[in-house]
Amino acid sequence: MPFLIFGIIKKKWTCIVIGLIPIILFLLVASSVAYRILMASSGCWVYKQAFGQPPTSNVEILEKKYEFSTDSETVHLKFKADKKNLYALLDNRFKEVSLSEFENRVMGDHPDWFNPLDSSPDIFYQSLSYDKNFMVSEALLSYNKKTSIAYFYSINID
């Protein structure tokens, strides 16, 4: 008789544990999404997502937008940085491109404030393999040397 009771209790716990697995998975996914939504309002966090490092004290985030889905993310940034800080961000993934090449790549839907040609930029950069964690990853950056204003855009898709 004691073995029968133990078997029933064991089955109950097994059912409870198996029933909790989908709930736990849902909570993990929901908390991850909630975290990204909350952090997307932080300019420093968006900058770090874009460049892999937080902004230095010489960098001023002017505008930002971070969007994501299950298999993609898009970053729009407008920031002010001196040339030294900007060039520290530009590693071997970026190459300098012409204005016409930049214009051809930057088309698409962007926030109203995102106008990378508005500040009469002097230098244009492009990366066709910006983030190795994604199958398709492209980044564009324009920079005005006089105003120190940079516009950055990246799109990453799995």
N, C-alpha and C. Protein backbone atom coordinates (compact mmCIF):
# COMPACT_ATOMS: atom_id res chain seq x y z
N MET A 1 0.80 -1.20 0.00
CA MET A 1 0.00 0.00 0.00
C MET A 1 0.85 1.27 0.00
N PRO A 2 1.93 1.34 0.80
CA PRO A 2 2.75 2.56 0.79
C PRO A 2 3.35 2.82 -0.59
N PHE A 3 3.70 1.74 -1.33
CA PHE A 3 4.27 1.92 -2.66
C PHE A 3 3.25 2.50 -3.63
N LEU A 4 2.00 2.13 -3.50
CA LEU A 4 0.92 2.65 -4.34
C LEU A 4 0.74 4.14 -4.11
N ILE A 5 0.75 4.56 -2.86
CA ILE A 5 0.60 5.99 -2.54
C ILE A 5 1.79 6.78 -3.08
N PHE A 6 3.00 6.22 -2.92
CA PHE A 6 4.20 6.89 -3.41
C PHE A 6 4.14 7.02 -4.94
N GLY A 7 3.65 6.01 -5.63
CA GLY A 7 3.51 6.05 -7.08
C GLY A 7 2.53 7.11 -7.53
N ILE A 8 1.43 7.26 -6.83
CA ILE A 8 0.43 8.28 -7.17
C ILE A 8 1.02 9.68 -6.94
N ILE A 9 1.72 9.87 -5.86
CA ILE A 9 2.34 11.16 -5.56
C ILE A 9 3.40 11.48 -6.62
N LYS A 10 4.17 10.49 -7.00
CA LYS A 10 5.22 10.68 -8.00
C LYS A 10 4.60 11.10 -9.34
N LYS A 11 3.47 10.46 -9.73
CA LYS A 11 2.80 10.82 -10.97
C LYS A 11 2.27 12.24 -10.92
N LYS A 12 1.71 12.63 -9.77
CA LYS A 12 1.19 13.99 -9.61
C LYS A 12 2.29 15.02 -9.81
N TRP A 13 3.44 14.80 -9.17
CA TRP A 13 4.55 15.73 -9.29
C TRP A 13 5.09 15.79 -10.71
N THR A 14 5.12 14.65 -11.36
CA THR A 14 5.58 14.60 -12.75
C THR A 14 4.65 15.44 -13.61
N CYS A 15 3.36 15.30 -13.43
CA CYS A 15 2.37 16.09 -14.20
C CYS A 15 2.52 17.57 -13.90
N ILE A 16 2.74 17.91 -12.66
CA ILE A 16 2.89 19.31 -12.29
C ILE A 16 4.13 19.90 -12.94
N VAL A 17 5.24 19.18 -12.86
CA VAL A 17 6.50 19.66 -13.44
C VAL A 17 6.36 19.81 -14.95
N ILE A 18 5.80 18.81 -15.61
CA ILE A 18 5.62 18.87 -17.07
C ILE A 18 4.68 20.02 -17.43
N GLY A 19 3.68 20.25 -16.63
CA GLY A 19 2.76 21.36 -16.87
C GLY A 19 3.40 22.73 -16.67
N LEU A 20 4.42 22.80 -15.83
CA LEU A 20 5.10 24.07 -15.58
C LEU A 20 6.09 24.45 -16.68
N ILE A 21 6.56 23.50 -17.44
CA ILE A 21 7.58 23.77 -18.46
C ILE A 21 7.11 24.84 -19.45
N PRO A 22 5.92 24.73 -20.06
CA PRO A 22 5.49 25.79 -21.00
C PRO A 22 5.34 27.15 -20.31
N ILE A 23 4.90 27.15 -19.08
CA ILE A 23 4.73 28.41 -18.35
C ILE A 23 6.09 29.06 -18.12
N ILE A 24 7.07 28.26 -17.73
CA ILE A 24 8.42 28.78 -17.49
C ILE A 24 9.02 29.32 -18.78
N LEU A 25 8.86 28.58 -19.87
CA LEU A 25 9.38 29.05 -21.17
C LEU A 25 8.72 30.35 -21.58
N PHE A 26 7.40 30.44 -21.40
CA PHE A 26 6.69 31.67 -21.73
C PHE A 26 7.21 32.84 -20.91
N LEU A 27 7.41 32.63 -19.62
CA LEU A 27 7.91 33.69 -18.75
C LEU A 27 9.32 34.13 -19.15
N LEU A 28 10.17 33.20 -19.56
CA LEU A 28 11.52 33.55 -20.00
C LEU A 28 11.48 34.42 -21.26
N VAL A 29 10.67 34.01 -22.22
CA VAL A 29 10.54 34.78 -23.47
C VAL A 29 9.93 36.15 -23.17
N ALA A 30 8.87 36.19 -22.38
CA ALA A 30 8.20 37.45 -22.06
C ALA A 30 9.14 38.40 -21.33
N SER A 31 9.93 37.89 -20.42
CA SER A 31 10.85 38.77 -19.68
C SER A 31 11.95 39.29 -20.60
N SER A 32 12.41 38.48 -21.54
CA SER A 32 13.41 38.93 -22.50
C SER A 32 12.85 40.04 -23.38
N VAL A 33 11.63 39.88 -23.85
CA VAL A 33 10.98 40.91 -24.68
C VAL A 33 10.76 42.17 -23.86
N ALA A 34 10.27 42.03 -22.65
CA ALA A 34 10.03 43.19 -21.79
C ALA A 34 11.34 43.94 -21.52
N TYR A 35 12.41 43.22 -21.31
CA TYR A 35 13.71 43.83 -21.07
C TYR A 35 14.13 44.67 -22.27
N ARG A 36 14.01 44.11 -23.48
CA ARG A 36 14.39 44.85 -24.69
C ARG A 36 13.51 46.08 -24.89
N ILE A 37 12.23 45.96 -24.59
CA ILE A 37 11.33 47.10 -24.74
C ILE A 37 11.73 48.21 -23.78
N LEU A 38 12.00 47.86 -22.54
CA LEU A 38 12.41 48.86 -21.55
C LEU A 38 13.76 49.49 -21.91
N MET A 39 14.70 48.67 -22.31
CA MET A 39 16.03 49.18 -22.59
C MET A 39 16.10 49.99 -23.88
N ALA A 40 15.18 49.74 -24.82
CA ALA A 40 15.17 50.48 -26.08
C ALA A 40 14.95 51.97 -25.86
N SER A 41 14.44 52.36 -24.71
CA SER A 41 14.25 53.78 -24.41
C SER A 41 15.53 54.43 -23.89
N SER A 42 16.55 53.65 -23.64
CA SER A 42 17.83 54.17 -23.15
C SER A 42 18.80 54.37 -24.31
N GLY A 43 19.20 55.61 -24.51
CA GLY A 43 20.15 55.91 -25.59
C GLY A 43 21.46 55.17 -25.43
N CYS A 44 21.94 55.05 -24.20
CA CYS A 44 23.21 54.34 -23.95
C CYS A 44 23.09 52.87 -24.32
N TRP A 45 21.94 52.26 -24.00
CA TRP A 45 21.75 50.85 -24.32
C TRP A 45 21.68 50.63 -25.83
N VAL A 46 20.96 51.52 -26.54
CA VAL A 46 20.86 51.41 -28.00
C VAL A 46 22.24 51.59 -28.63
N TYR A 47 23.00 52.54 -28.14
CA TYR A 47 24.36 52.77 -28.63
C TYR A 47 25.22 51.52 -28.43
N LYS A 48 25.10 50.92 -27.25
CA LYS A 48 25.87 49.71 -26.95
C LYS A 48 25.44 48.54 -27.85
N GLN A 49 24.13 48.43 -28.12
CA GLN A 49 23.65 47.40 -29.05
C GLN A 49 24.26 47.62 -30.43
N ALA A 50 24.37 48.88 -30.83
CA ALA A 50 24.88 49.20 -32.16
C ALA A 50 26.38 48.98 -32.27
N PHE A 51 27.14 49.40 -31.27
CA PHE A 51 28.59 49.41 -31.40
C PHE A 51 29.32 48.45 -30.47
N GLY A 52 28.59 47.77 -29.60
CA GLY A 52 29.21 46.79 -28.72
C GLY A 52 29.94 47.39 -27.53
N GLN A 53 29.80 48.68 -27.34
CA GLN A 53 30.44 49.35 -26.20
C GLN A 53 29.59 50.57 -25.83
N PRO A 54 29.60 50.95 -24.57
CA PRO A 54 28.81 52.12 -24.18
C PRO A 54 29.45 53.39 -24.71
N PRO A 55 28.68 54.46 -24.85
CA PRO A 55 29.27 55.72 -25.32
C PRO A 55 30.21 56.30 -24.28
N THR A 56 31.26 56.94 -24.75
CA THR A 56 32.17 57.62 -23.84
C THR A 56 31.52 58.92 -23.40
N SER A 57 32.15 59.60 -22.48
CA SER A 57 31.58 60.86 -21.98
C SER A 57 31.55 61.95 -23.05
N ASN A 58 32.33 61.78 -24.11
CA ASN A 58 32.39 62.77 -25.20
C ASN A 58 31.31 62.54 -26.26
N VAL A 59 30.52 61.49 -26.11
CA VAL A 59 29.48 61.17 -27.09
C VAL A 59 28.12 61.58 -26.52
N GLU A 60 27.37 62.31 -27.34
CA GLU A 60 26.04 62.75 -26.93
C GLU A 60 25.00 62.10 -27.85
N ILE A 61 24.12 61.31 -27.28
CA ILE A 61 23.05 60.67 -28.06
C ILE A 61 21.95 61.71 -28.27
N LEU A 62 21.66 62.03 -29.52
CA LEU A 62 20.65 63.03 -29.83
C LEU A 62 19.28 62.39 -30.09
N GLU A 63 19.27 61.30 -30.82
CA GLU A 63 18.03 60.57 -31.13
C GLU A 63 18.37 59.09 -31.23
N LYS A 64 17.38 58.24 -30.96
CA LYS A 64 17.60 56.80 -31.09
C LYS A 64 16.28 56.09 -31.33
N LYS A 65 16.40 54.96 -32.01
CA LYS A 65 15.25 54.07 -32.19
C LYS A 65 15.78 52.66 -32.37
N TYR A 66 15.23 51.75 -31.60
CA TYR A 66 15.62 50.33 -31.67
C TYR A 66 14.35 49.52 -31.84
N GLU A 67 14.29 48.74 -32.89
CA GLU A 67 13.15 47.86 -33.14
C GLU A 67 13.66 46.44 -33.30
N PHE A 68 12.85 45.49 -32.86
CA PHE A 68 13.26 44.10 -32.99
C PHE A 68 12.04 43.20 -33.16
N SER A 69 12.30 42.05 -33.73
CA SER A 69 11.30 40.99 -33.80
C SER A 69 12.03 39.69 -33.50
N THR A 70 11.38 38.58 -33.73
CA THR A 70 12.02 37.30 -33.40
C THR A 70 13.26 37.03 -34.23
N ASP A 71 13.33 37.57 -35.44
CA ASP A 71 14.47 37.25 -36.29
C ASP A 71 15.14 38.48 -36.92
N SER A 72 14.90 39.66 -36.38
CA SER A 72 15.55 40.84 -36.94
C SER A 72 15.62 41.96 -35.91
N GLU A 73 16.50 42.91 -36.19
CA GLU A 73 16.58 44.12 -35.39
C GLU A 73 17.04 45.27 -36.28
N THR A 74 16.58 46.47 -35.93
CA THR A 74 16.94 47.67 -36.67
C THR A 74 17.33 48.74 -35.66
N VAL A 75 18.42 49.44 -35.94
CA VAL A 75 18.90 50.50 -35.07
C VAL A 75 19.04 51.78 -35.88
N HIS A 76 18.49 52.87 -35.36
CA HIS A 76 18.69 54.21 -35.90
C HIS A 76 19.29 55.04 -34.79
N LEU A 77 20.37 55.74 -35.07
CA LEU A 77 21.01 56.60 -34.08
C LEU A 77 21.45 57.91 -34.71
N LYS A 78 21.26 58.96 -33.98
CA LYS A 78 21.84 60.26 -34.33
C LYS A 78 22.62 60.68 -33.09
N PHE A 79 23.91 60.90 -33.26
CA PHE A 79 24.72 61.25 -32.10
C PHE A 79 25.82 62.24 -32.49
N LYS A 80 26.34 62.87 -31.48
CA LYS A 80 27.42 63.83 -31.67
C LYS A 80 28.68 63.25 -31.05
N ALA A 81 29.74 63.20 -31.85
CA ALA A 81 31.01 62.63 -31.37
C ALA A 81 32.16 63.27 -32.13
N ASP A 82 33.26 63.47 -31.44
CA ASP A 82 34.41 64.00 -32.16
C ASP A 82 35.00 62.91 -33.05
N LYS A 83 35.89 63.33 -33.96
CA LYS A 83 36.45 62.39 -34.93
C LYS A 83 37.17 61.21 -34.26
N LYS A 84 37.86 61.51 -33.19
CA LYS A 84 38.61 60.45 -32.48
C LYS A 84 37.67 59.35 -32.00
N ASN A 85 36.56 59.73 -31.37
CA ASN A 85 35.59 58.74 -30.88
C ASN A 85 34.91 58.01 -32.04
N LEU A 86 34.62 58.74 -33.09
CA LEU A 86 33.97 58.12 -34.24
C LEU A 86 34.88 57.06 -34.87
N TYR A 87 36.12 57.42 -35.11
CA TYR A 87 37.04 56.49 -35.76
C TYR A 87 37.34 55.27 -34.88
N ALA A 88 37.20 55.42 -33.58
CA ALA A 88 37.37 54.27 -32.68
C ALA A 88 36.26 53.25 -32.90
N LEU A 89 35.09 53.72 -33.34
CA LEU A 89 33.96 52.81 -33.61
C LEU A 89 34.09 52.10 -34.95
N LEU A 90 34.75 52.76 -35.88
CA LEU A 90 34.84 52.23 -37.24
C LEU A 90 36.01 51.26 -37.34
N ASP A 91 35.68 50.00 -37.29
CA ASP A 91 36.73 48.99 -37.39
C ASP A 91 36.81 48.50 -38.83
N ASN A 92 37.43 47.36 -39.04
CA ASN A 92 37.64 46.84 -40.39
C ASN A 92 36.35 46.37 -41.07
N ARG A 93 35.22 46.39 -40.36
CA ARG A 93 33.96 46.02 -41.00
C ARG A 93 33.43 47.13 -41.89
N PHE A 94 33.84 48.36 -41.63
CA PHE A 94 33.36 49.51 -42.39
C PHE A 94 34.34 49.89 -43.50
N LYS A 95 33.77 50.33 -44.60
CA LYS A 95 34.59 50.91 -45.67
C LYS A 95 33.95 52.23 -46.07
N GLU A 96 34.79 53.15 -46.46
CA GLU A 96 34.29 54.45 -46.91
C GLU A 96 33.66 54.29 -48.28
N VAL A 97 32.51 54.92 -48.49
CA VAL A 97 31.81 54.84 -49.78
C VAL A 97 31.47 56.26 -50.25
N SER A 98 31.09 56.35 -51.51
CA SER A 98 30.73 57.65 -52.08
C SER A 98 29.31 58.05 -51.65
N LEU A 99 28.99 59.30 -51.88
CA LEU A 99 27.66 59.80 -51.57
C LEU A 99 26.59 59.03 -52.33
N SER A 100 26.82 58.77 -53.62
CA SER A 100 25.81 58.04 -54.42
C SER A 100 25.62 56.61 -53.93
N GLU A 101 26.69 55.93 -53.54
CA GLU A 101 26.57 54.57 -52.99
C GLU A 101 25.76 54.60 -51.68
N PHE A 102 26.06 55.59 -50.85
CA PHE A 102 25.36 55.73 -49.59
C PHE A 102 23.87 55.98 -49.82
N GLU A 103 23.56 56.89 -50.73
CA GLU A 103 22.16 57.22 -51.02
C GLU A 103 21.38 55.99 -51.51
N ASN A 104 22.01 55.17 -52.31
CA ASN A 104 21.35 53.95 -52.82
C ASN A 104 21.05 52.95 -51.71
N ARG A 105 21.88 52.91 -50.68
CA ARG A 105 21.70 51.92 -49.61
C ARG A 105 20.79 52.39 -48.49
N VAL A 106 20.66 53.70 -48.29
CA VAL A 106 19.96 54.22 -47.12
C VAL A 106 18.45 54.37 -47.35
N MET A 107 17.97 53.98 -48.51
CA MET A 107 16.53 54.08 -48.78
C MET A 107 15.74 53.17 -47.85
N GLY A 108 14.46 53.49 -47.66
CA GLY A 108 13.61 52.66 -46.81
C GLY A 108 12.85 53.49 -45.81
N ASP A 109 12.16 52.81 -44.91
CA ASP A 109 11.40 53.48 -43.87
C ASP A 109 12.30 53.83 -42.69
N HIS A 110 12.28 55.08 -42.32
CA HIS A 110 13.09 55.56 -41.21
C HIS A 110 12.26 56.51 -40.35
N PRO A 111 12.65 56.73 -39.11
CA PRO A 111 11.95 57.72 -38.28
C PRO A 111 12.03 59.11 -38.91
N ASP A 112 11.11 59.98 -38.57
CA ASP A 112 11.07 61.33 -39.15
C ASP A 112 12.37 62.11 -38.92
N TRP A 113 12.98 61.93 -37.77
CA TRP A 113 14.20 62.66 -37.44
C TRP A 113 15.43 62.12 -38.15
N PHE A 114 15.33 60.93 -38.72
CA PHE A 114 16.50 60.29 -39.34
C PHE A 114 16.65 60.76 -40.78
N ASN A 115 17.55 61.71 -40.96
CA ASN A 115 17.86 62.24 -42.29
C ASN A 115 19.38 62.38 -42.38
N PRO A 116 20.07 61.30 -42.74
CA PRO A 116 21.52 61.30 -42.68
C PRO A 116 22.21 62.24 -43.66
N LEU A 117 21.47 62.81 -44.59
CA LEU A 117 22.07 63.76 -45.52
C LEU A 117 21.74 65.20 -45.15
N ASP A 118 20.91 65.40 -44.14
CA ASP A 118 20.45 66.72 -43.72
C ASP A 118 21.57 67.61 -43.22
N SER A 119 22.50 67.08 -42.52
CA SER A 119 23.57 67.89 -41.92
C SER A 119 24.75 68.08 -42.86
N SER A 120 24.57 67.83 -44.15
CA SER A 120 25.64 67.94 -45.15
C SER A 120 26.89 67.17 -44.73
N PRO A 121 26.76 65.87 -44.58
CA PRO A 121 27.90 65.07 -44.12
C PRO A 121 29.05 65.06 -45.13
N ASP A 122 30.25 64.85 -44.60
CA ASP A 122 31.46 64.82 -45.43
C ASP A 122 31.90 63.40 -45.75
N ILE A 123 31.60 62.48 -44.84
CA ILE A 123 32.13 61.11 -44.95
C ILE A 123 30.98 60.12 -44.83
N PHE A 124 31.06 59.05 -45.62
CA PHE A 124 30.03 58.02 -45.63
C PHE A 124 30.70 56.65 -45.49
N TYR A 125 30.09 55.80 -44.67
CA TYR A 125 30.64 54.46 -44.44
C TYR A 125 29.54 53.42 -44.61
N GLN A 126 29.98 52.22 -44.97
CA GLN A 126 29.06 51.11 -45.15
C GLN A 126 29.73 49.83 -44.67
N SER A 127 28.92 48.95 -44.12
CA SER A 127 29.37 47.60 -43.76
C SER A 127 28.32 46.62 -44.22
N LEU A 128 28.71 45.65 -45.01
CA LEU A 128 27.77 44.64 -45.50
C LEU A 128 27.76 43.39 -44.64
N SER A 129 28.65 43.33 -43.67
CA SER A 129 28.66 42.20 -42.73
C SER A 129 28.92 42.75 -41.33
N TYR A 130 28.00 43.56 -40.86
CA TYR A 130 28.21 44.31 -39.63
C TYR A 130 28.16 43.44 -38.38
N ASP A 131 27.15 42.59 -38.26
CA ASP A 131 26.99 41.76 -37.07
C ASP A 131 27.00 40.29 -37.47
N LYS A 132 28.03 39.58 -37.08
CA LYS A 132 28.20 38.17 -37.48
C LYS A 132 27.15 37.24 -36.86
N ASN A 133 26.37 37.73 -35.90
CA ASN A 133 25.33 36.92 -35.28
C ASN A 133 24.09 36.78 -36.17
N PHE A 134 24.04 37.54 -37.25
CA PHE A 134 22.90 37.51 -38.16
C PHE A 134 23.34 37.07 -39.55
N MET A 135 22.41 36.46 -40.27
CA MET A 135 22.72 36.01 -41.63
C MET A 135 22.92 37.20 -42.56
N VAL A 136 22.05 38.21 -42.44
CA VAL A 136 22.16 39.43 -43.23
C VAL A 136 22.32 40.58 -42.25
N SER A 137 23.36 41.36 -42.44
CA SER A 137 23.62 42.46 -41.52
C SER A 137 24.30 43.59 -42.28
N GLU A 138 23.64 44.73 -42.30
CA GLU A 138 24.19 45.88 -43.00
C GLU A 138 24.13 47.10 -42.09
N ALA A 139 25.16 47.94 -42.18
CA ALA A 139 25.20 49.17 -41.40
C ALA A 139 25.69 50.31 -42.28
N LEU A 140 25.13 51.49 -42.03
CA LEU A 140 25.52 52.71 -42.74
C LEU A 140 25.78 53.80 -41.72
N LEU A 141 26.73 54.67 -42.03
CA LEU A 141 27.03 55.78 -41.14
C LEU A 141 27.45 56.98 -41.97
N SER A 142 26.88 58.14 -41.65
CA SER A 142 27.34 59.39 -42.27
C SER A 142 27.83 60.30 -41.17
N TYR A 143 28.81 61.15 -41.51
CA TYR A 143 29.42 62.01 -40.49
C TYR A 143 29.74 63.38 -41.06
N ASN A 144 29.39 64.41 -40.30
CA ASN A 144 29.72 65.78 -40.66
C ASN A 144 30.86 66.24 -39.76
N LYS A 145 32.00 66.53 -40.35
CA LYS A 145 33.19 66.91 -39.56
C LYS A 145 33.01 68.24 -38.84
N LYS A 146 32.27 69.18 -39.44
CA LYS A 146 32.10 70.51 -38.82
C LYS A 146 31.19 70.44 -37.60
N THR A 147 30.06 69.75 -37.72
CA THR A 147 29.09 69.69 -36.62
C THR A 147 29.32 68.50 -35.70
N SER A 148 30.14 67.56 -36.13
CA SER A 148 30.41 66.31 -35.39
C SER A 148 29.16 65.44 -35.22
N ILE A 149 28.19 65.62 -36.13
CA ILE A 149 26.95 64.85 -36.09
C ILE A 149 27.11 63.59 -36.95
N ALA A 150 26.74 62.45 -36.36
CA ALA A 150 26.78 61.17 -37.08
C ALA A 150 25.38 60.57 -37.09
N TYR A 151 25.05 59.98 -38.21
CA TYR A 151 23.82 59.19 -38.34
C TYR A 151 24.23 57.76 -38.58
N PHE A 152 23.66 56.85 -37.82
CA PHE A 152 23.98 55.43 -37.95
C PHE A 152 22.70 54.65 -38.16
N TYR A 153 22.74 53.69 -39.06
CA TYR A 153 21.58 52.83 -39.34
C TYR A 153 22.09 51.41 -39.54
N SER A 154 21.47 50.46 -38.88
CA SER A 154 21.81 49.05 -39.13
C SER A 154 20.55 48.22 -39.18
N ILE A 155 20.59 47.22 -40.03
CA ILE A 155 19.51 46.25 -40.11
C ILE A 155 20.14 44.86 -40.09
N ASN A 156 19.60 44.01 -39.23
CA ASN A 156 20.12 42.66 -39.05
C ASN A 156 18.96 41.67 -39.16
N ILE A 157 19.14 40.67 -40.01
CA ILE A 157 18.07 39.69 -40.27
C ILE A 157 18.64 38.28 -40.23
N ASP A 158 17.90 37.39 -39.58
CA ASP A 158 18.27 35.96 -39.59
C ASP A 158 17.50 35.24 -40.67
